[in-house]
Amino acid sequence: RSHQIRLCPTDPVGGAVDFTAYPGMSKYSYGWNKAAFAYRAPGGPPPQ
């Protein structure tokens, strides 16, 4: 229930992990484990 926790106060650009090229996604300060969380986006590699 918080949008703000996506951002680290030390992140110099306020969202270094920038996925705004994908409509609906945003800028984040945090990465995620792609081995645990599957990539299933259309238009890319075969869905995991």
ModelCIF file with pLDDT and N, C-alpha, C, O atoms, coordinates in Angstrom:
data_MODEL
#
_entry.id   MODEL 
#
_entity.id                         1 
_entity.type                       polymer 
_entity.pdbx_number_of_molecules   1 
#
_entity_poly.entity_id                      1 
_entity_poly.type                           'polypeptide(L)' 
_entity_poly.nstd_linkage                   no 
_entity_poly.nstd_monomer                   no 
_entity_poly.pdbx_seq_one_letter_code       RSHQIRLCPTDPVGGAVDFTAYPGMSKYSYGWNKAAFAYRAPGGPPPQ 
_entity_poly.pdbx_seq_one_letter_code_can   RSHQIRLCPTDPVGGAVDFTAYPGMSKYSYGWNKAAFAYRAPGGPPPQ 
_entity_poly.pdbx_strand_id                 A 
#
loop_
_entity_poly_seq.entity_id 
_entity_poly_seq.num 
_entity_poly_seq.mon_id 
_entity_poly_seq.hetero 
1 1  ARG n 
1 2  SER n 
1 3  HIS n 
1 4  GLN n 
1 5  ILE n 
1 6  ARG n 
1 7  LEU n 
1 8  CYS n 
1 9  PRO n 
1 10 THR n 
1 11 ASP n 
1 12 PRO n 
1 13 VAL n 
1 14 GLY n 
1 15 GLY n 
1 16 ALA n 
1 17 VAL n 
1 18 ASP n 
1 19 PHE n 
1 20 THR n 
1 21 ALA n 
1 22 TYR n 
1 23 PRO n 
1 24 GLY n 
1 25 MET n 
1 26 SER n 
1 27 LYS n 
1 28 TYR n 
1 29 SER n 
1 30 TYR n 
1 31 GLY n 
1 32 TRP n 
1 33 ASN n 
1 34 LYS n 
1 35 ALA n 
1 36 ALA n 
1 37 PHE n 
1 38 ALA n 
1 39 TYR n 
1 40 ARG n 
1 41 ALA n 
1 42 PRO n 
1 43 GLY n 
1 44 GLY n 
1 45 PRO n 
1 46 PRO n 
1 47 PRO n 
1 48 GLN n 
#
_struct_asym.id          A 
_struct_asym.entity_id   1 
#
loop_
_ma_qa_metric.id 
_ma_qa_metric.mode 
_ma_qa_metric.name 
_ma_qa_metric.software_group_id 
_ma_qa_metric.type 
1 global pLDDT . pLDDT 
2 local  pLDDT . pLDDT 
#
_ma_qa_metric_global.metric_id      1 
_ma_qa_metric_global.metric_value   94.04 
_ma_qa_metric_global.model_id       1 
_ma_qa_metric_global.ordinal_id     1 
#
loop_
_ma_qa_metric_local.label_asym_id 
_ma_qa_metric_local.label_comp_id 
_ma_qa_metric_local.label_seq_id 
_ma_qa_metric_local.metric_id 
_ma_qa_metric_local.metric_value 
_ma_qa_metric_local.model_id 
_ma_qa_metric_local.ordinal_id 
A ARG 1  2 91.00 1 1  
A SER 2  2 92.00 1 2  
A HIS 3  2 90.00 1 3  
A GLN 4  2 93.00 1 4  
A ILE 5  2 96.00 1 5  
A ARG 6  2 96.00 1 6  
A LEU 7  2 97.00 1 7  
A CYS 8  2 97.00 1 8  
A PRO 9  2 95.00 1 9  
A THR 10 2 94.00 1 10 
A ASP 11 2 94.00 1 11 
A PRO 12 2 87.00 1 12 
A VAL 13 2 91.00 1 13 
A GLY 14 2 91.00 1 14 
A GLY 15 2 95.00 1 15 
A ALA 16 2 96.00 1 16 
A VAL 17 2 97.00 1 17 
A ASP 18 2 96.00 1 18 
A PHE 19 2 95.00 1 19 
A THR 20 2 95.00 1 20 
A ALA 21 2 92.00 1 21 
A TYR 22 2 94.00 1 22 
A PRO 23 2 97.00 1 23 
A GLY 24 2 96.00 1 24 
A MET 25 2 97.00 1 25 
A SER 26 2 96.00 1 26 
A LYS 27 2 97.00 1 27 
A TYR 28 2 97.00 1 28 
A SER 29 2 98.00 1 29 
A TYR 30 2 98.00 1 30 
A GLY 31 2 97.00 1 31 
A TRP 32 2 97.00 1 32 
A ASN 33 2 97.00 1 33 
A LYS 34 2 94.00 1 34 
A ALA 35 2 95.00 1 35 
A ALA 36 2 97.00 1 36 
A PHE 37 2 97.00 1 37 
A ALA 38 2 96.00 1 38 
A TYR 39 2 94.00 1 39 
A ARG 40 2 94.00 1 40 
A ALA 41 2 91.00 1 41 
A PRO 42 2 91.00 1 42 
A GLY 43 2 87.00 1 43 
A GLY 44 2 84.00 1 44 
A PRO 45 2 86.00 1 45 
A PRO 46 2 91.00 1 46 
A PRO 47 2 92.00 1 47 
A GLN 48 2 94.00 1 48 
#
loop_
_atom_site.group_PDB 
_atom_site.id 
_atom_site.type_symbol 
_atom_site.label_atom_id 
_atom_site.label_alt_id 
_atom_site.label_comp_id 
_atom_site.label_asym_id 
_atom_site.label_entity_id 
_atom_site.label_seq_id 
_atom_site.pdbx_PDB_ins_code 
_atom_site.Cartn_x 
_atom_site.Cartn_y 
_atom_site.Cartn_z 
_atom_site.occupancy 
_atom_site.B_iso_or_equiv 
_atom_site.pdbx_formal_charge 
_atom_site.auth_seq_id 
_atom_site.auth_comp_id 
_atom_site.auth_asym_id 
_atom_site.auth_atom_id 
_atom_site.pdbx_PDB_model_num 
ATOM 1   N N  . ARG A 1 1  ? 0.825  -1.219  0.000   1.00 91.00 ? 1  ARG A N  1 
ATOM 2   C CA . ARG A 1 1  ? 0.000  0.000   0.000   1.00 91.00 ? 1  ARG A CA 1 
ATOM 3   C C  . ARG A 1 1  ? 0.854  1.261   0.000   1.00 91.00 ? 1  ARG A C  1 
ATOM 4   O O  . ARG A 1 1  ? 0.497  2.266   0.615   1.00 91.00 ? 1  ARG A O  1 
ATOM 5   N N  . SER A 1 2  ? 1.967  1.197   -0.685  1.00 92.00 ? 2  SER A N  1 
ATOM 6   C CA . SER A 1 2  ? 2.861  2.358   -0.757  1.00 92.00 ? 2  SER A CA 1 
ATOM 7   C C  . SER A 1 2  ? 3.631  2.329   -2.065  1.00 92.00 ? 2  SER A C  1 
ATOM 8   O O  . SER A 1 2  ? 4.259  1.330   -2.416  1.00 92.00 ? 2  SER A O  1 
ATOM 9   N N  . HIS A 1 3  ? 3.571  3.428   -2.768  1.00 90.00 ? 3  HIS A N  1 
ATOM 10  C CA . HIS A 1 3  ? 4.362  3.579   -3.980  1.00 90.00 ? 3  HIS A CA 1 
ATOM 11  C C  . HIS A 1 3  ? 5.775  4.045   -3.641  1.00 90.00 ? 3  HIS A C  1 
ATOM 12  O O  . HIS A 1 3  ? 6.726  3.755   -4.367  1.00 90.00 ? 3  HIS A O  1 
ATOM 13  N N  . GLN A 1 4  ? 5.903  4.774   -2.524  1.00 93.00 ? 4  GLN A N  1 
ATOM 14  C CA . GLN A 1 4  ? 7.164  5.411   -2.184  1.00 93.00 ? 4  GLN A CA 1 
ATOM 15  C C  . GLN A 1 4  ? 8.247  4.407   -1.810  1.00 93.00 ? 4  GLN A C  1 
ATOM 16  O O  . GLN A 1 4  ? 9.431  4.696   -1.984  1.00 93.00 ? 4  GLN A O  1 
ATOM 17  N N  . ILE A 1 5  ? 7.874  3.236   -1.301  1.00 96.00 ? 5  ILE A N  1 
ATOM 18  C CA . ILE A 1 5  ? 8.909  2.303   -0.858  1.00 96.00 ? 5  ILE A CA 1 
ATOM 19  C C  . ILE A 1 5  ? 9.670  1.692   -2.029  1.00 96.00 ? 5  ILE A C  1 
ATOM 20  O O  . ILE A 1 5  ? 10.639 0.961   -1.821  1.00 96.00 ? 5  ILE A O  1 
ATOM 21  N N  . ARG A 1 6  ? 9.246  1.981   -3.255  1.00 96.00 ? 6  ARG A N  1 
ATOM 22  C CA . ARG A 1 6  ? 10.024 1.526   -4.406  1.00 96.00 ? 6  ARG A CA 1 
ATOM 23  C C  . ARG A 1 6  ? 11.339 2.288   -4.554  1.00 96.00 ? 6  ARG A C  1 
ATOM 24  O O  . ARG A 1 6  ? 12.215 1.872   -5.312  1.00 96.00 ? 6  ARG A O  1 
ATOM 25  N N  . LEU A 1 7  ? 11.482 3.406   -3.830  1.00 97.00 ? 7  LEU A N  1 
ATOM 26  C CA . LEU A 1 7  ? 12.625 4.291   -4.013  1.00 97.00 ? 7  LEU A CA 1 
ATOM 27  C C  . LEU A 1 7  ? 13.493 4.321   -2.768  1.00 97.00 ? 7  LEU A C  1 
ATOM 28  O O  . LEU A 1 7  ? 12.994 4.467   -1.652  1.00 97.00 ? 7  LEU A O  1 
ATOM 29  N N  . CYS A 1 8  ? 14.788 4.181   -2.967  1.00 97.00 ? 8  CYS A N  1 
ATOM 30  C CA . CYS A 1 8  ? 15.776 4.274   -1.892  1.00 97.00 ? 8  CYS A CA 1 
ATOM 31  C C  . CYS A 1 8  ? 16.185 5.741   -1.718  1.00 97.00 ? 8  CYS A C  1 
ATOM 32  O O  . CYS A 1 8  ? 16.425 6.421   -2.716  1.00 97.00 ? 8  CYS A O  1 
ATOM 33  N N  . PRO A 1 9  ? 16.271 6.251   -0.480  1.00 95.00 ? 9  PRO A N  1 
ATOM 34  C CA . PRO A 1 9  ? 16.658 7.655   -0.290  1.00 95.00 ? 9  PRO A CA 1 
ATOM 35  C C  . PRO A 1 9  ? 18.076 7.968   -0.747  1.00 95.00 ? 9  PRO A C  1 
ATOM 36  O O  . PRO A 1 9  ? 18.425 9.137   -0.912  1.00 95.00 ? 9  PRO A O  1 
ATOM 37  N N  . THR A 1 10 ? 18.896 6.946   -0.953  1.00 94.00 ? 10 THR A N  1 
ATOM 38  C CA . THR A 1 10 ? 20.269 7.164   -1.401  1.00 94.00 ? 10 THR A CA 1 
ATOM 39  C C  . THR A 1 10 ? 20.405 7.063   -2.917  1.00 94.00 ? 10 THR A C  1 
ATOM 40  O O  . THR A 1 10 ? 21.452 7.406   -3.465  1.00 94.00 ? 10 THR A O  1 
ATOM 41  N N  . ASP A 1 11 ? 19.369 6.601   -3.597  1.00 94.00 ? 11 ASP A N  1 
ATOM 42  C CA . ASP A 1 11 ? 19.411 6.467   -5.055  1.00 94.00 ? 11 ASP A CA 1 
ATOM 43  C C  . ASP A 1 11 ? 19.613 7.848   -5.673  1.00 94.00 ? 11 ASP A C  1 
ATOM 44  O O  . ASP A 1 11 ? 18.733 8.701   -5.549  1.00 94.00 ? 11 ASP A O  1 
ATOM 45  N N  . PRO A 1 12 ? 20.752 8.098   -6.340  1.00 87.00 ? 12 PRO A N  1 
ATOM 46  C CA . PRO A 1 12 ? 21.060 9.467   -6.801  1.00 87.00 ? 12 PRO A CA 1 
ATOM 47  C C  . PRO A 1 12 ? 20.144 9.964   -7.912  1.00 87.00 ? 12 PRO A C  1 
ATOM 48  O O  . PRO A 1 12 ? 20.034 11.174  -8.107  1.00 87.00 ? 12 PRO A O  1 
ATOM 49  N N  . VAL A 1 13 ? 19.485 9.074   -8.644  1.00 91.00 ? 13 VAL A N  1 
ATOM 50  C CA . VAL A 1 13 ? 18.643 9.509   -9.756  1.00 91.00 ? 13 VAL A CA 1 
ATOM 51  C C  . VAL A 1 13 ? 17.153 9.289   -9.480  1.00 91.00 ? 13 VAL A C  1 
ATOM 52  O O  . VAL A 1 13 ? 16.317 9.515   -10.356 1.00 91.00 ? 13 VAL A O  1 
ATOM 53  N N  . GLY A 1 14 ? 16.825 8.852   -8.272  1.00 91.00 ? 14 GLY A N  1 
ATOM 54  C CA . GLY A 1 14 ? 15.419 8.672   -7.933  1.00 91.00 ? 14 GLY A CA 1 
ATOM 55  C C  . GLY A 1 14 ? 14.722 7.605   -8.742  1.00 91.00 ? 14 GLY A C  1 
ATOM 56  O O  . GLY A 1 14 ? 13.578 7.787   -9.159  1.00 91.00 ? 14 GLY A O  1 
ATOM 57  N N  . GLY A 1 15 ? 15.393 6.503   -8.967  1.00 95.00 ? 15 GLY A N  1 
ATOM 58  C CA . GLY A 1 15 ? 14.823 5.390   -9.725  1.00 95.00 ? 15 GLY A CA 1 
ATOM 59  C C  . GLY A 1 15 ? 15.777 4.898   -10.793 1.00 95.00 ? 15 GLY A C  1 
ATOM 60  O O  . GLY A 1 15 ? 15.506 5.023   -11.988 1.00 95.00 ? 15 GLY A O  1 
ATOM 61  N N  . ALA A 1 16 ? 16.902 4.334   -10.358 1.00 96.00 ? 16 ALA A N  1 
ATOM 62  C CA . ALA A 1 16 ? 17.942 3.898   -11.294 1.00 96.00 ? 16 ALA A CA 1 
ATOM 63  C C  . ALA A 1 16 ? 17.486 2.746   -12.181 1.00 96.00 ? 16 ALA A C  1 
ATOM 64  O O  . ALA A 1 16 ? 17.946 2.608   -13.314 1.00 96.00 ? 16 ALA A O  1 
ATOM 65  N N  . VAL A 1 17 ? 16.581 1.918   -11.662 1.00 97.00 ? 17 VAL A N  1 
ATOM 66  C CA . VAL A 1 17 ? 16.063 0.789   -12.443 1.00 97.00 ? 17 VAL A CA 1 
ATOM 67  C C  . VAL A 1 17 ? 14.827 1.298   -13.194 1.00 97.00 ? 17 VAL A C  1 
ATOM 68  O O  . VAL A 1 17 ? 13.699 1.194   -12.712 1.00 97.00 ? 17 VAL A O  1 
ATOM 69  N N  . ASP A 1 18 ? 15.068 1.841   -14.364 1.00 96.00 ? 18 ASP A N  1 
ATOM 70  C CA . ASP A 1 18 ? 14.046 2.579   -15.118 1.00 96.00 ? 18 ASP A CA 1 
ATOM 71  C C  . ASP A 1 18 ? 13.380 1.668   -16.152 1.00 96.00 ? 18 ASP A C  1 
ATOM 72  O O  . ASP A 1 18 ? 13.994 1.286   -17.149 1.00 96.00 ? 18 ASP A O  1 
ATOM 73  N N  . PHE A 1 19 ? 12.117 1.328   -15.897 1.00 95.00 ? 19 PHE A N  1 
ATOM 74  C CA . PHE A 1 19 ? 11.341 0.501   -16.817 1.00 95.00 ? 19 PHE A CA 1 
ATOM 75  C C  . PHE A 1 19 ? 10.180 1.286   -17.428 1.00 95.00 ? 19 PHE A C  1 
ATOM 76  O O  . PHE A 1 19 ? 9.181  0.697   -17.841 1.00 95.00 ? 19 PHE A O  1 
ATOM 77  N N  . THR A 1 20 ? 10.309 2.609   -17.485 1.00 95.00 ? 20 THR A N  1 
ATOM 78  C CA . THR A 1 20 ? 9.226  3.437   -18.016 1.00 95.00 ? 20 THR A CA 1 
ATOM 79  C C  . THR A 1 20 ? 9.031  3.243   -19.517 1.00 95.00 ? 20 THR A C  1 
ATOM 80  O O  . THR A 1 20 ? 8.027  3.693   -20.070 1.00 95.00 ? 20 THR A O  1 
ATOM 81  N N  . ALA A 1 21 ? 9.971  2.584   -20.181 1.00 92.00 ? 21 ALA A N  1 
ATOM 82  C CA . ALA A 1 21 ? 9.770  2.274   -21.599 1.00 92.00 ? 21 ALA A CA 1 
ATOM 83  C C  . ALA A 1 21 ? 8.637  1.278   -21.799 1.00 92.00 ? 21 ALA A C  1 
ATOM 84  O O  . ALA A 1 21 ? 8.114  1.137   -22.905 1.00 92.00 ? 21 ALA A O  1 
ATOM 85  N N  . TYR A 1 22 ? 8.262  0.590   -20.732 1.00 94.00 ? 22 TYR A N  1 
ATOM 86  C CA . TYR A 1 22 ? 7.156  -0.363  -20.767 1.00 94.00 ? 22 TYR A CA 1 
ATOM 87  C C  . TYR A 1 22 ? 5.914  0.316   -20.172 1.00 94.00 ? 22 TYR A C  1 
ATOM 88  O O  . TYR A 1 22 ? 5.888  0.573   -18.968 1.00 94.00 ? 22 TYR A O  1 
ATOM 89  N N  . PRO A 1 23 ? 4.896  0.609   -20.970 1.00 97.00 ? 23 PRO A N  1 
ATOM 90  C CA . PRO A 1 23 ? 3.707  1.295   -20.447 1.00 97.00 ? 23 PRO A CA 1 
ATOM 91  C C  . PRO A 1 23 ? 3.117  0.580   -19.232 1.00 97.00 ? 23 PRO A C  1 
ATOM 92  O O  . PRO A 1 23 ? 2.848  -0.621  -19.260 1.00 97.00 ? 23 PRO A O  1 
ATOM 93  N N  . GLY A 1 24 ? 2.927  1.343   -18.187 1.00 96.00 ? 24 GLY A N  1 
ATOM 94  C CA . GLY A 1 24 ? 2.386  0.777   -16.952 1.00 96.00 ? 24 GLY A CA 1 
ATOM 95  C C  . GLY A 1 24 ? 3.432  0.529   -15.896 1.00 96.00 ? 24 GLY A C  1 
ATOM 96  O O  . GLY A 1 24 ? 3.099  0.374   -14.722 1.00 96.00 ? 24 GLY A O  1 
ATOM 97  N N  . MET A 1 25 ? 4.705  0.489   -16.292 1.00 97.00 ? 25 MET A N  1 
ATOM 98  C CA . MET A 1 25 ? 5.772  0.280   -15.320 1.00 97.00 ? 25 MET A CA 1 
ATOM 99  C C  . MET A 1 25 ? 6.421  1.616   -14.982 1.00 97.00 ? 25 MET A C  1 
ATOM 100 O O  . MET A 1 25 ? 6.073  2.642   -15.567 1.00 97.00 ? 25 MET A O  1 
ATOM 101 N N  . SER A 1 26 ? 7.354  1.609   -14.051 1.00 96.00 ? 26 SER A N  1 
ATOM 102 C CA . SER A 1 26 ? 7.834  2.855   -13.472 1.00 96.00 ? 26 SER A CA 1 
ATOM 103 C C  . SER A 1 26 ? 9.353  2.809   -13.271 1.00 96.00 ? 26 SER A C  1 
ATOM 104 O O  . SER A 1 26 ? 10.057 1.981   -13.849 1.00 96.00 ? 26 SER A O  1 
ATOM 105 N N  . LYS A 1 27 ? 9.826  3.729   -12.430 1.00 97.00 ? 27 LYS A N  1 
ATOM 106 C CA . LYS A 1 27 ? 11.228 3.752   -12.015 1.00 97.00 ? 27 LYS A CA 1 
ATOM 107 C C  . LYS A 1 27 ? 11.321 3.186   -10.600 1.00 97.00 ? 27 LYS A C  1 
ATOM 108 O O  . LYS A 1 27 ? 10.477 3.461   -9.746  1.00 97.00 ? 27 LYS A O  1 
ATOM 109 N N  . TYR A 1 28 ? 12.364 2.392   -10.374 1.00 97.00 ? 28 TYR A N  1 
ATOM 110 C CA . TYR A 1 28 ? 12.547 1.753   -9.085  1.00 97.00 ? 28 TYR A CA 1 
ATOM 111 C C  . TYR A 1 28 ? 14.012 1.895   -8.650  1.00 97.00 ? 28 TYR A C  1 
ATOM 112 O O  . TYR A 1 28 ? 14.905 2.069   -9.479  1.00 97.00 ? 28 TYR A O  1 
ATOM 113 N N  . SER A 1 29 ? 14.229 1.818   -7.368  1.00 98.00 ? 29 SER A N  1 
ATOM 114 C CA . SER A 1 29 ? 15.605 1.806   -6.857  1.00 98.00 ? 29 SER A CA 1 
ATOM 115 C C  . SER A 1 29 ? 16.118 0.395   -6.626  1.00 98.00 ? 29 SER A C  1 
ATOM 116 O O  . SER A 1 29 ? 17.288 0.189   -6.303  1.00 98.00 ? 29 SER A O  1 
ATOM 117 N N  . TYR A 1 30 ? 15.218 -0.582  -6.796  1.00 98.00 ? 30 TYR A N  1 
ATOM 118 C CA . TYR A 1 30 ? 15.553 -1.949  -6.414  1.00 98.00 ? 30 TYR A CA 1 
ATOM 119 C C  . TYR A 1 30 ? 15.446 -2.906  -7.598  1.00 98.00 ? 30 TYR A C  1 
ATOM 120 O O  . TYR A 1 30 ? 14.583 -2.768  -8.465  1.00 98.00 ? 30 TYR A O  1 
ATOM 121 N N  . GLY A 1 31 ? 16.341 -3.866  -7.600  1.00 97.00 ? 31 GLY A N  1 
ATOM 122 C CA . GLY A 1 31 ? 16.267 -4.944  -8.567  1.00 97.00 ? 31 GLY A CA 1 
ATOM 123 C C  . GLY A 1 31 ? 15.543 -6.127  -7.961  1.00 97.00 ? 31 GLY A C  1 
ATOM 124 O O  . GLY A 1 31 ? 15.231 -6.143  -6.771  1.00 97.00 ? 31 GLY A O  1 
ATOM 125 N N  . TRP A 1 32 ? 15.279 -7.120  -8.801  1.00 97.00 ? 32 TRP A N  1 
ATOM 126 C CA . TRP A 1 32 ? 14.587 -8.335  -8.351  1.00 97.00 ? 32 TRP A CA 1 
ATOM 127 C C  . TRP A 1 32 ? 15.300 -9.546  -8.928  1.00 97.00 ? 32 TRP A C  1 
ATOM 128 O O  . TRP A 1 32 ? 15.987 -9.451  -9.944  1.00 97.00 ? 32 TRP A O  1 
ATOM 129 N N  . ASN A 1 33 ? 15.132 -10.655 -8.286  1.00 97.00 ? 33 ASN A N  1 
ATOM 130 C CA . ASN A 1 33 ? 15.822 -11.887 -8.672  1.00 97.00 ? 33 ASN A CA 1 
ATOM 131 C C  . ASN A 1 33 ? 15.096 -12.520 -9.861  1.00 97.00 ? 33 ASN A C  1 
ATOM 132 O O  . ASN A 1 33 ? 14.026 -13.108 -9.699  1.00 97.00 ? 33 ASN A O  1 
ATOM 133 N N  . LYS A 1 34 ? 15.678 -12.398 -11.051 1.00 94.00 ? 34 LYS A N  1 
ATOM 134 C CA . LYS A 1 34 ? 15.010 -12.914 -12.254 1.00 94.00 ? 34 LYS A CA 1 
ATOM 135 C C  . LYS A 1 34 ? 15.027 -14.440 -12.315 1.00 94.00 ? 34 LYS A C  1 
ATOM 136 O O  . LYS A 1 34 ? 14.328 -15.031 -13.137 1.00 94.00 ? 34 LYS A O  1 
ATOM 137 N N  . ALA A 1 35 ? 15.817 -15.083 -11.455 1.00 95.00 ? 35 ALA A N  1 
ATOM 138 C CA . ALA A 1 35 ? 15.781 -16.547 -11.398 1.00 95.00 ? 35 ALA A CA 1 
ATOM 139 C C  . ALA A 1 35 ? 14.581 -17.023 -10.580 1.00 95.00 ? 35 ALA A C  1 
ATOM 140 O O  . ALA A 1 35 ? 14.119 -18.151 -10.752 1.00 95.00 ? 35 ALA A O  1 
ATOM 141 N N  . ALA A 1 36 ? 14.079 -16.170 -9.698  1.00 97.00 ? 36 ALA A N  1 
ATOM 142 C CA . ALA A 1 36 ? 12.927 -16.536 -8.867  1.00 97.00 ? 36 ALA A CA 1 
ATOM 143 C C  . ALA A 1 36 ? 11.623 -15.979 -9.425  1.00 97.00 ? 36 ALA A C  1 
ATOM 144 O O  . ALA A 1 36 ? 10.578 -16.622 -9.328  1.00 97.00 ? 36 ALA A O  1 
ATOM 145 N N  . PHE A 1 37 ? 11.680 -14.792 -10.005 1.00 97.00 ? 37 PHE A N  1 
ATOM 146 C CA . PHE A 1 37 ? 10.501 -14.142 -10.565 1.00 97.00 ? 37 PHE A CA 1 
ATOM 147 C C  . PHE A 1 37 ? 10.583 -14.235 -12.093 1.00 97.00 ? 37 PHE A C  1 
ATOM 148 O O  . PHE A 1 37 ? 11.506 -13.698 -12.705 1.00 97.00 ? 37 PHE A O  1 
ATOM 149 N N  . ALA A 1 38 ? 9.629  -14.908 -12.690 1.00 96.00 ? 38 ALA A N  1 
ATOM 150 C CA . ALA A 1 38 ? 9.710  -15.238 -14.118 1.00 96.00 ? 38 ALA A CA 1 
ATOM 151 C C  . ALA A 1 38 ? 9.438  -14.027 -15.003 1.00 96.00 ? 38 ALA A C  1 
ATOM 152 O O  . ALA A 1 38 ? 8.575  -13.200 -14.709 1.00 96.00 ? 38 ALA A O  1 
ATOM 153 N N  . TYR A 1 39 ? 10.199 -13.943 -16.097 1.00 94.00 ? 39 TYR A N  1 
ATOM 154 C CA . TYR A 1 39 ? 9.942  -12.944 -17.146 1.00 94.00 ? 39 TYR A CA 1 
ATOM 155 C C  . TYR A 1 39 ? 8.971  -13.555 -18.158 1.00 94.00 ? 39 TYR A C  1 
ATOM 156 O O  . TYR A 1 39 ? 9.248  -14.591 -18.763 1.00 94.00 ? 39 TYR A O  1 
ATOM 157 N N  . ARG A 1 40 ? 7.826  -12.886 -18.325 1.00 94.00 ? 40 ARG A N  1 
ATOM 158 C CA . ARG A 1 40 ? 6.802  -13.388 -19.235 1.00 94.00 ? 40 ARG A CA 1 
ATOM 159 C C  . ARG A 1 40 ? 6.262  -12.278 -20.140 1.00 94.00 ? 40 ARG A C  1 
ATOM 160 O O  . ARG A 1 40 ? 5.144  -12.372 -20.647 1.00 94.00 ? 40 ARG A O  1 
ATOM 161 N N  . ALA A 1 41 ? 7.053  -11.242 -20.336 1.00 91.00 ? 41 ALA A N  1 
ATOM 162 C CA . ALA A 1 41 ? 6.593  -10.091 -21.119 1.00 91.00 ? 41 ALA A CA 1 
ATOM 163 C C  . ALA A 1 41 ? 6.453  -10.453 -22.592 1.00 91.00 ? 41 ALA A C  1 
ATOM 164 O O  . ALA A 1 41 ? 7.338  -11.101 -23.151 1.00 91.00 ? 41 ALA A O  1 
ATOM 165 N N  . PRO A 1 42 ? 5.359  -10.046 -23.232 1.00 91.00 ? 42 PRO A N  1 
ATOM 166 C CA . PRO A 1 42 ? 5.204  -10.297 -24.676 1.00 91.00 ? 42 PRO A CA 1 
ATOM 167 C C  . PRO A 1 42 ? 6.218  -9.467  -25.464 1.00 91.00 ? 42 PRO A C  1 
ATOM 168 O O  . PRO A 1 42 ? 6.659  -8.405  -25.025 1.00 91.00 ? 42 PRO A O  1 
ATOM 169 N N  . GLY A 1 43 ? 6.567  -9.978  -26.626 1.00 87.00 ? 43 GLY A N  1 
ATOM 170 C CA . GLY A 1 43 ? 7.506  -9.269  -27.480 1.00 87.00 ? 43 GLY A CA 1 
ATOM 171 C C  . GLY A 1 43 ? 8.957  -9.512  -27.149 1.00 87.00 ? 43 GLY A C  1 
ATOM 172 O O  . GLY A 1 43 ? 9.841  -8.923  -27.770 1.00 87.00 ? 43 GLY A O  1 
ATOM 173 N N  . GLY A 1 44 ? 9.221  -10.375 -26.176 1.00 84.00 ? 44 GLY A N  1 
ATOM 174 C CA . GLY A 1 44 ? 10.587 -10.671 -25.792 1.00 84.00 ? 44 GLY A CA 1 
ATOM 175 C C  . GLY A 1 44 ? 10.903 -12.137 -25.935 1.00 84.00 ? 44 GLY A C  1 
ATOM 176 O O  . GLY A 1 44 ? 10.298 -12.817 -26.764 1.00 84.00 ? 44 GLY A O  1 
ATOM 177 N N  . PRO A 1 45 ? 11.841 -12.649 -25.145 1.00 86.00 ? 45 PRO A N  1 
ATOM 178 C CA . PRO A 1 45 ? 12.156 -14.082 -25.175 1.00 86.00 ? 45 PRO A CA 1 
ATOM 179 C C  . PRO A 1 45 ? 10.941 -14.908 -24.791 1.00 86.00 ? 45 PRO A C  1 
ATOM 180 O O  . PRO A 1 45 ? 9.983  -14.367 -24.239 1.00 86.00 ? 45 PRO A O  1 
ATOM 181 N N  . PRO A 1 46 ? 10.958 -16.210 -25.072 1.00 91.00 ? 46 PRO A N  1 
ATOM 182 C CA . PRO A 1 46 ? 9.833  -17.076 -24.681 1.00 91.00 ? 46 PRO A CA 1 
ATOM 183 C C  . PRO A 1 46 ? 9.542  -16.956 -23.189 1.00 91.00 ? 46 PRO A C  1 
ATOM 184 O O  . PRO A 1 46 ? 10.470 -16.902 -22.382 1.00 91.00 ? 46 PRO A O  1 
ATOM 185 N N  . PRO A 1 47 ? 8.272  -16.915 -22.814 1.00 92.00 ? 47 PRO A N  1 
ATOM 186 C CA . PRO A 1 47 ? 7.918  -16.758 -21.400 1.00 92.00 ? 47 PRO A CA 1 
ATOM 187 C C  . PRO A 1 47 ? 8.511  -17.867 -20.540 1.00 92.00 ? 47 PRO A C  1 
ATOM 188 O O  . PRO A 1 47 ? 8.505  -19.037 -20.923 1.00 92.00 ? 47 PRO A O  1 
ATOM 189 N N  . GLN A 1 48 ? 9.015  -17.489 -19.387 1.00 94.00 ? 48 GLN A N  1 
ATOM 190 C CA . GLN A 1 48 ? 9.541  -18.465 -18.444 1.00 94.00 ? 48 GLN A CA 1 
ATOM 191 C C  . GLN A 1 48 ? 8.396  -19.030 -17.602 1.00 94.00 ? 48 GLN A C  1 
ATOM 192 O O  . GLN A 1 48 ? 8.624  -19.876 -16.737 1.00 94.00 ? 48 GLN A O  1 
#
